[in-house]
Protein backbone atom coordinates (compact mmCIF):
# COMPACT_ATOMS: atom_id res chain seq x y z
CA MET A 1 -107.28 8.67 37.37
CA GLY A 2 -104.59 6.11 37.89
CA ARG A 3 -102.43 7.17 34.93
CA ILE A 4 -102.22 10.61 36.48
CA LEU A 5 -101.42 9.49 39.90
CA LEU A 6 -98.56 7.53 38.42
CA LEU A 7 -97.25 10.33 36.45
CA ILE A 8 -97.47 12.65 39.99
CA ALA A 9 -95.36 9.93 41.87
CA VAL A 10 -92.79 9.75 38.89
CA ALA A 11 -92.41 13.27 39.10
CA VAL A 12 -91.92 13.17 42.89
CA ALA A 13 -89.49 10.51 42.77
CA ALA A 14 -87.60 12.60 39.92
CA PHE A 15 -87.40 15.29 42.01
CA PHE A 16 -86.11 13.49 45.11
CA LEU A 17 -83.60 11.81 42.67
CA LEU A 18 -82.36 15.18 41.30
CA GLY A 19 -82.14 16.78 44.78
CA SER A 20 -79.76 13.77 45.95
CA VAL A 21 -77.68 14.17 42.60
CA LEU A 22 -77.54 17.92 42.98
CA GLY A 23 -76.50 17.84 46.49
CA PHE A 24 -73.80 15.34 45.89
CA LEU A 25 -72.23 17.26 42.99
CA PHE A 26 -72.37 20.56 45.36
CA GLY A 27 -70.80 18.63 47.79
CA ILE A 28 -68.08 17.51 45.58
CA LEU A 29 -67.63 21.06 43.87
CA LYS A 30 -67.27 22.64 47.85
CA TRP A 31 -64.52 20.10 48.80
CA VAL A 32 -62.64 20.75 45.10
CA LEU A 33 -62.85 24.67 45.79
CA ILE A 34 -61.79 23.97 49.46
CA ILE A 35 -58.56 21.83 48.33
CA GLY A 36 -57.92 24.56 45.72
CA VAL A 37 -57.49 27.19 48.20
CA VAL A 38 -55.41 25.28 50.54
CA ALA A 39 -53.29 24.30 47.41
CA LEU A 40 -53.00 27.80 46.29
CA ALA A 41 -52.19 29.17 49.67
CA VAL A 42 -49.48 26.54 50.35
CA GLY A 43 -48.15 27.56 46.84
CA ALA A 44 -47.97 31.13 47.68
CA LEU A 45 -46.36 30.75 51.15
CA SER A 46 -43.69 28.51 49.66
CA LYS A 47 -43.06 31.20 47.01
CA ILE A 48 -42.70 33.85 49.57
CA MET A 49 -40.61 31.78 51.72
CA SER A 50 -37.96 30.80 49.11
CA SER A 51 -38.11 34.44 47.68
CA ARG A 52 -37.08 35.43 51.14
CA ARG A 53 -34.04 33.07 51.39
CA ALA A 54 -32.66 34.02 47.91
């Protein structure tokens, strides 16, 4: 009985840890995507503005 409860406690702790790690990774991925979209928009705008000047 004690061994089963220990295994259940380890499984619950693993799910908590997995949730935290996945939340952290998805948070980083979100910011990388936002920064990438902003960089692409700035690059496109600078290309449009430089072609209009020429």
